[in-house]
Amino acid sequence: MSNSEKEQLRRLAKEYIPSRVTEYANRFGFEYTKVRIGSAKTRWGSCSAKGTLSFSLYLMRYPVECIDAVILHELVHTRQRNHKAGFYNELLRLMPDYYERVKVLGK
């Protein structure tokens, strides 16, 4: 991948992801500290203990339904810090088609 392609993905990510995080946080009452866009290749997103949500710019290669599923996944981590039943109960209550959305991501 060329640097210009990578920068284009980064620009798209910075345009799309923070506004969607805000939209979902407002809709469902989540609180977070900030949004970071990185170039991680082994994970789509993460949530720090301090509430920083990080997303891979490579998400922008996928449909918005997939990206939104990752965004909501990380927002749920602001309340549920693990992947136990409570986490998935909340995630699936808010996005019942979560598993369908992330299939293409290999999750």
N, C-alpha and C. Protein backbone atom coordinates (compact mmCIF):
# COMPACT_ATOMS: atom_id res chain seq x y z
N MET A 1 0.85 -1.18 0.00
CA MET A 1 0.00 0.00 0.00
C MET A 1 0.89 1.24 0.00
N SER A 2 0.59 2.17 -0.86
CA SER A 2 1.38 3.39 -0.94
C SER A 2 1.02 4.34 0.21
N ASN A 3 1.91 5.28 0.47
CA ASN A 3 1.64 6.27 1.51
C ASN A 3 0.43 7.11 1.19
N SER A 4 0.23 7.41 -0.09
CA SER A 4 -0.93 8.24 -0.46
C SER A 4 -2.24 7.48 -0.21
N GLU A 5 -2.24 6.16 -0.46
CA GLU A 5 -3.44 5.36 -0.18
C GLU A 5 -3.71 5.32 1.32
N LYS A 6 -2.64 5.16 2.09
CA LYS A 6 -2.77 5.11 3.54
C LYS A 6 -3.29 6.44 4.07
N GLU A 7 -2.77 7.53 3.56
CA GLU A 7 -3.21 8.86 3.99
C GLU A 7 -4.66 9.12 3.59
N GLN A 8 -5.07 8.59 2.44
CA GLN A 8 -6.47 8.74 2.03
C GLN A 8 -7.38 7.99 3.01
N LEU A 9 -6.99 6.77 3.40
CA LEU A 9 -7.78 6.02 4.38
C LEU A 9 -7.82 6.75 5.72
N ARG A 10 -6.69 7.33 6.12
CA ARG A 10 -6.63 8.08 7.38
C ARG A 10 -7.57 9.28 7.33
N ARG A 11 -7.57 10.00 6.22
CA ARG A 11 -8.44 11.17 6.06
C ARG A 11 -9.91 10.76 6.13
N LEU A 12 -10.24 9.67 5.42
CA LEU A 12 -11.63 9.17 5.46
C LEU A 12 -12.03 8.76 6.87
N ALA A 13 -11.11 8.08 7.56
CA ALA A 13 -11.39 7.63 8.92
C ALA A 13 -11.63 8.82 9.85
N LYS A 14 -10.81 9.85 9.73
CA LYS A 14 -10.96 11.03 10.58
C LYS A 14 -12.23 11.80 10.28
N GLU A 15 -12.72 11.69 9.05
CA GLU A 15 -13.98 12.34 8.69
C GLU A 15 -15.18 11.56 9.21
N TYR A 16 -15.10 10.24 9.15
CA TYR A 16 -16.27 9.41 9.45
C TYR A 16 -16.35 8.96 10.91
N ILE A 17 -15.29 8.37 11.41
CA ILE A 17 -15.35 7.66 12.69
C ILE A 17 -15.68 8.56 13.88
N PRO A 18 -14.98 9.68 14.11
CA PRO A 18 -15.32 10.49 15.30
C PRO A 18 -16.77 10.96 15.33
N SER A 19 -17.32 11.32 14.19
CA SER A 19 -18.72 11.79 14.20
C SER A 19 -19.68 10.64 14.49
N ARG A 20 -19.37 9.45 14.01
CA ARG A 20 -20.24 8.29 14.31
C ARG A 20 -20.11 7.88 15.78
N VAL A 21 -18.91 7.97 16.34
CA VAL A 21 -18.73 7.68 17.76
C VAL A 21 -19.61 8.63 18.56
N THR A 22 -19.56 9.91 18.25
CA THR A 22 -20.38 10.91 18.95
C THR A 22 -21.86 10.59 18.79
N GLU A 23 -22.26 10.25 17.58
CA GLU A 23 -23.68 9.95 17.33
C GLU A 23 -24.15 8.76 18.17
N TYR A 24 -23.39 7.66 18.15
CA TYR A 24 -23.77 6.48 18.94
C TYR A 24 -23.69 6.76 20.44
N ALA A 25 -22.69 7.50 20.87
CA ALA A 25 -22.56 7.82 22.30
C ALA A 25 -23.75 8.63 22.77
N ASN A 26 -24.16 9.60 21.98
CA ASN A 26 -25.32 10.42 22.34
C ASN A 26 -26.61 9.61 22.32
N ARG A 27 -26.75 8.76 21.32
CA ARG A 27 -27.98 7.96 21.18
C ARG A 27 -28.15 6.99 22.33
N PHE A 28 -27.05 6.36 22.77
CA PHE A 28 -27.14 5.30 23.78
C PHE A 28 -26.56 5.67 25.14
N GLY A 29 -26.12 6.90 25.32
CA GLY A 29 -25.67 7.35 26.63
C GLY A 29 -24.28 6.88 27.04
N PHE A 30 -23.39 6.67 26.08
CA PHE A 30 -22.02 6.28 26.40
C PHE A 30 -21.16 7.51 26.66
N GLU A 31 -20.13 7.34 27.47
CA GLU A 31 -19.15 8.39 27.71
C GLU A 31 -17.77 7.87 27.34
N TYR A 32 -17.00 8.70 26.66
CA TYR A 32 -15.64 8.35 26.28
C TYR A 32 -14.79 9.61 26.39
N THR A 33 -13.48 9.43 26.37
CA THR A 33 -12.57 10.56 26.52
C THR A 33 -12.20 11.17 25.17
N LYS A 34 -11.70 10.35 24.26
CA LYS A 34 -11.32 10.84 22.95
C LYS A 34 -11.27 9.69 21.95
N VAL A 35 -11.17 10.06 20.68
CA VAL A 35 -11.09 9.10 19.59
C VAL A 35 -9.73 9.26 18.92
N ARG A 36 -9.10 8.13 18.68
CA ARG A 36 -7.79 8.12 18.03
C ARG A 36 -7.87 7.24 16.79
N ILE A 37 -7.26 7.67 15.70
CA ILE A 37 -7.17 6.88 14.48
C ILE A 37 -5.72 6.45 14.32
N GLY A 38 -5.50 5.14 14.25
CA GLY A 38 -4.15 4.61 14.10
C GLY A 38 -4.06 3.70 12.89
N SER A 39 -2.94 3.02 12.77
CA SER A 39 -2.73 2.15 11.62
C SER A 39 -2.54 0.69 12.03
N ALA A 40 -3.22 0.30 13.10
CA ALA A 40 -3.13 -1.08 13.58
C ALA A 40 -3.59 -2.05 12.49
N LYS A 41 -2.86 -3.15 12.36
CA LYS A 41 -3.22 -4.15 11.36
C LYS A 41 -3.75 -5.43 11.99
N THR A 42 -3.62 -5.55 13.32
CA THR A 42 -4.05 -6.78 13.98
C THR A 42 -5.34 -6.64 14.77
N ARG A 43 -5.84 -5.42 14.92
CA ARG A 43 -7.12 -5.21 15.61
C ARG A 43 -7.82 -4.01 15.00
N TRP A 44 -9.15 -4.08 14.99
CA TRP A 44 -9.95 -3.01 14.38
C TRP A 44 -10.14 -1.84 15.32
N GLY A 45 -10.18 -2.11 16.60
CA GLY A 45 -10.39 -1.05 17.57
C GLY A 45 -10.02 -1.49 18.96
N SER A 46 -9.94 -0.52 19.85
CA SER A 46 -9.68 -0.81 21.25
C SER A 46 -10.22 0.32 22.10
N CYS A 47 -10.37 0.02 23.39
CA CYS A 47 -10.86 0.99 24.37
C CYS A 47 -9.92 0.95 25.57
N SER A 48 -9.29 2.08 25.88
CA SER A 48 -8.37 2.11 27.01
C SER A 48 -9.15 2.24 28.32
N ALA A 49 -8.48 1.99 29.41
CA ALA A 49 -9.10 2.11 30.73
C ALA A 49 -9.53 3.55 31.01
N LYS A 50 -8.91 4.52 30.34
CA LYS A 50 -9.25 5.93 30.53
C LYS A 50 -10.31 6.41 29.55
N GLY A 51 -10.84 5.50 28.72
CA GLY A 51 -11.93 5.87 27.82
C GLY A 51 -11.51 6.39 26.46
N THR A 52 -10.24 6.17 26.08
CA THR A 52 -9.81 6.54 24.74
C THR A 52 -10.17 5.41 23.79
N LEU A 53 -10.90 5.74 22.73
CA LEU A 53 -11.28 4.76 21.73
C LEU A 53 -10.34 4.89 20.55
N SER A 54 -9.71 3.79 20.18
CA SER A 54 -8.77 3.78 19.06
C SER A 54 -9.33 2.89 17.96
N PHE A 55 -9.18 3.35 16.72
CA PHE A 55 -9.68 2.61 15.56
C PHE A 55 -8.62 2.57 14.49
N SER A 56 -8.59 1.45 13.78
CA SER A 56 -7.66 1.30 12.67
C SER A 56 -8.19 2.02 11.44
N LEU A 57 -7.31 2.75 10.77
CA LEU A 57 -7.70 3.43 9.54
C LEU A 57 -8.10 2.43 8.46
N TYR A 58 -7.65 1.18 8.58
CA TYR A 58 -7.97 0.15 7.59
C TYR A 58 -9.45 -0.27 7.62
N LEU A 59 -10.17 0.14 8.66
CA LEU A 59 -11.61 -0.09 8.69
C LEU A 59 -12.31 0.55 7.50
N MET A 60 -11.71 1.61 6.99
CA MET A 60 -12.35 2.36 5.91
C MET A 60 -12.41 1.59 4.60
N ARG A 61 -11.82 0.42 4.56
CA ARG A 61 -11.91 -0.46 3.39
C ARG A 61 -13.21 -1.25 3.38
N TYR A 62 -13.99 -1.15 4.46
CA TYR A 62 -15.18 -1.96 4.63
C TYR A 62 -16.44 -1.12 4.60
N PRO A 63 -17.59 -1.78 4.42
CA PRO A 63 -18.87 -1.04 4.42
C PRO A 63 -19.12 -0.35 5.77
N VAL A 64 -19.90 0.73 5.72
CA VAL A 64 -20.18 1.48 6.94
C VAL A 64 -20.87 0.64 8.00
N GLU A 65 -21.63 -0.36 7.60
CA GLU A 65 -22.29 -1.24 8.58
C GLU A 65 -21.25 -1.96 9.44
N CYS A 66 -20.15 -2.36 8.84
CA CYS A 66 -19.07 -3.02 9.58
C CYS A 66 -18.37 -2.03 10.51
N ILE A 67 -18.08 -0.86 9.97
CA ILE A 67 -17.40 0.18 10.76
C ILE A 67 -18.25 0.55 11.97
N ASP A 68 -19.54 0.75 11.75
CA ASP A 68 -20.43 1.10 12.86
C ASP A 68 -20.48 0.00 13.92
N ALA A 69 -20.41 -1.25 13.50
CA ALA A 69 -20.41 -2.35 14.46
C ALA A 69 -19.15 -2.30 15.34
N VAL A 70 -18.02 -2.00 14.75
CA VAL A 70 -16.78 -1.89 15.52
C VAL A 70 -16.87 -0.69 16.46
N ILE A 71 -17.41 0.41 15.98
CA ILE A 71 -17.58 1.59 16.83
C ILE A 71 -18.44 1.27 18.04
N LEU A 72 -19.57 0.63 17.82
CA LEU A 72 -20.44 0.31 18.95
C LEU A 72 -19.77 -0.71 19.88
N HIS A 73 -19.07 -1.67 19.31
CA HIS A 73 -18.32 -2.65 20.11
C HIS A 73 -17.40 -1.93 21.10
N GLU A 74 -16.65 -0.96 20.61
CA GLU A 74 -15.72 -0.25 21.49
C GLU A 74 -16.44 0.64 22.49
N LEU A 75 -17.53 1.24 22.09
CA LEU A 75 -18.31 2.04 23.05
C LEU A 75 -18.86 1.17 24.17
N VAL A 76 -19.32 -0.02 23.86
CA VAL A 76 -19.82 -0.92 24.91
C VAL A 76 -18.70 -1.24 25.89
N HIS A 77 -17.46 -1.28 25.41
CA HIS A 77 -16.32 -1.52 26.32
C HIS A 77 -16.13 -0.39 27.33
N THR A 78 -16.70 0.77 27.10
CA THR A 78 -16.60 1.82 28.11
C THR A 78 -17.42 1.47 29.35
N ARG A 79 -18.38 0.56 29.20
CA ARG A 79 -19.20 0.08 30.33
C ARG A 79 -18.84 -1.33 30.75
N GLN A 80 -18.53 -2.16 29.79
CA GLN A 80 -18.22 -3.58 30.03
C GLN A 80 -16.80 -3.82 29.53
N ARG A 81 -15.86 -3.95 30.43
CA ARG A 81 -14.43 -3.99 30.07
C ARG A 81 -13.95 -5.33 29.52
N ASN A 82 -14.81 -6.31 29.46
CA ASN A 82 -14.39 -7.63 29.01
C ASN A 82 -15.36 -8.14 27.95
N HIS A 83 -15.17 -9.38 27.55
CA HIS A 83 -16.06 -9.99 26.55
C HIS A 83 -16.93 -11.07 27.18
N LYS A 84 -17.34 -10.86 28.41
CA LYS A 84 -18.23 -11.82 29.08
C LYS A 84 -19.66 -11.61 28.60
N ALA A 85 -20.57 -12.39 29.14
CA ALA A 85 -21.97 -12.38 28.70
C ALA A 85 -22.59 -10.99 28.77
N GLY A 86 -22.31 -10.24 29.81
CA GLY A 86 -22.89 -8.90 29.95
C GLY A 86 -22.52 -7.98 28.80
N PHE A 87 -21.29 -8.11 28.34
CA PHE A 87 -20.84 -7.30 27.20
C PHE A 87 -21.68 -7.62 25.96
N TYR A 88 -21.77 -8.90 25.62
CA TYR A 88 -22.51 -9.29 24.42
C TYR A 88 -24.02 -9.06 24.57
N ASN A 89 -24.54 -9.20 25.77
CA ASN A 89 -25.96 -8.91 25.99
C ASN A 89 -26.26 -7.45 25.65
N GLU A 90 -25.40 -6.55 26.13
CA GLU A 90 -25.62 -5.12 25.85
C GLU A 90 -25.40 -4.81 24.37
N LEU A 91 -24.33 -5.33 23.80
CA LEU A 91 -24.03 -5.08 22.39
C LEU A 91 -25.16 -5.55 21.49
N LEU A 92 -25.64 -6.77 21.72
CA LEU A 92 -26.70 -7.32 20.87
C LEU A 92 -28.06 -6.66 21.13
N ARG A 93 -28.27 -6.13 22.31
CA ARG A 93 -29.50 -5.38 22.57
C ARG A 93 -29.51 -4.10 21.73
N LEU A 94 -28.34 -3.46 21.62
CA LEU A 94 -28.23 -2.20 20.87
C LEU A 94 -28.10 -2.41 19.37
N MET A 95 -27.50 -3.53 18.97
CA MET A 95 -27.29 -3.82 17.55
C MET A 95 -27.53 -5.32 17.33
N PRO A 96 -28.78 -5.72 17.19
CA PRO A 96 -29.11 -7.14 17.07
C PRO A 96 -28.43 -7.86 15.90
N ASP A 97 -28.08 -7.13 14.85
CA ASP A 97 -27.44 -7.75 13.69
C ASP A 97 -25.91 -7.63 13.72
N TYR A 98 -25.36 -7.44 14.92
CA TYR A 98 -23.91 -7.26 15.08
C TYR A 98 -23.10 -8.35 14.37
N TYR A 99 -23.45 -9.61 14.62
CA TYR A 99 -22.65 -10.71 14.05
C TYR A 99 -22.70 -10.71 12.52
N GLU A 100 -23.84 -10.37 11.96
CA GLU A 100 -23.95 -10.28 10.49
C GLU A 100 -23.04 -9.16 9.97
N ARG A 101 -23.02 -8.05 10.68
CA ARG A 101 -22.23 -6.90 10.25
C ARG A 101 -20.73 -7.19 10.25
N VAL A 102 -20.27 -7.94 11.24
CA VAL A 102 -18.81 -8.14 11.35
C VAL A 102 -18.30 -9.39 10.63
N LYS A 103 -19.17 -10.16 10.03
CA LYS A 103 -18.73 -11.36 9.31
C LYS A 103 -17.62 -11.05 8.31
N VAL A 104 -17.79 -10.01 7.56
CA VAL A 104 -16.83 -9.67 6.52
C VAL A 104 -15.47 -9.27 7.10
N LEU A 105 -15.44 -8.87 8.36
CA LEU A 105 -14.19 -8.49 9.01
C LEU A 105 -13.41 -9.71 9.50
N GLY A 106 -14.03 -10.87 9.43
CA GLY A 106 -13.37 -12.08 9.92
C GLY A 106 -13.51 -12.27 11.40
N LYS A 107 -14.53 -11.66 12.00
CA LYS A 107 -14.76 -11.80 13.45
C LYS A 107 -15.77 -12.90 13.72
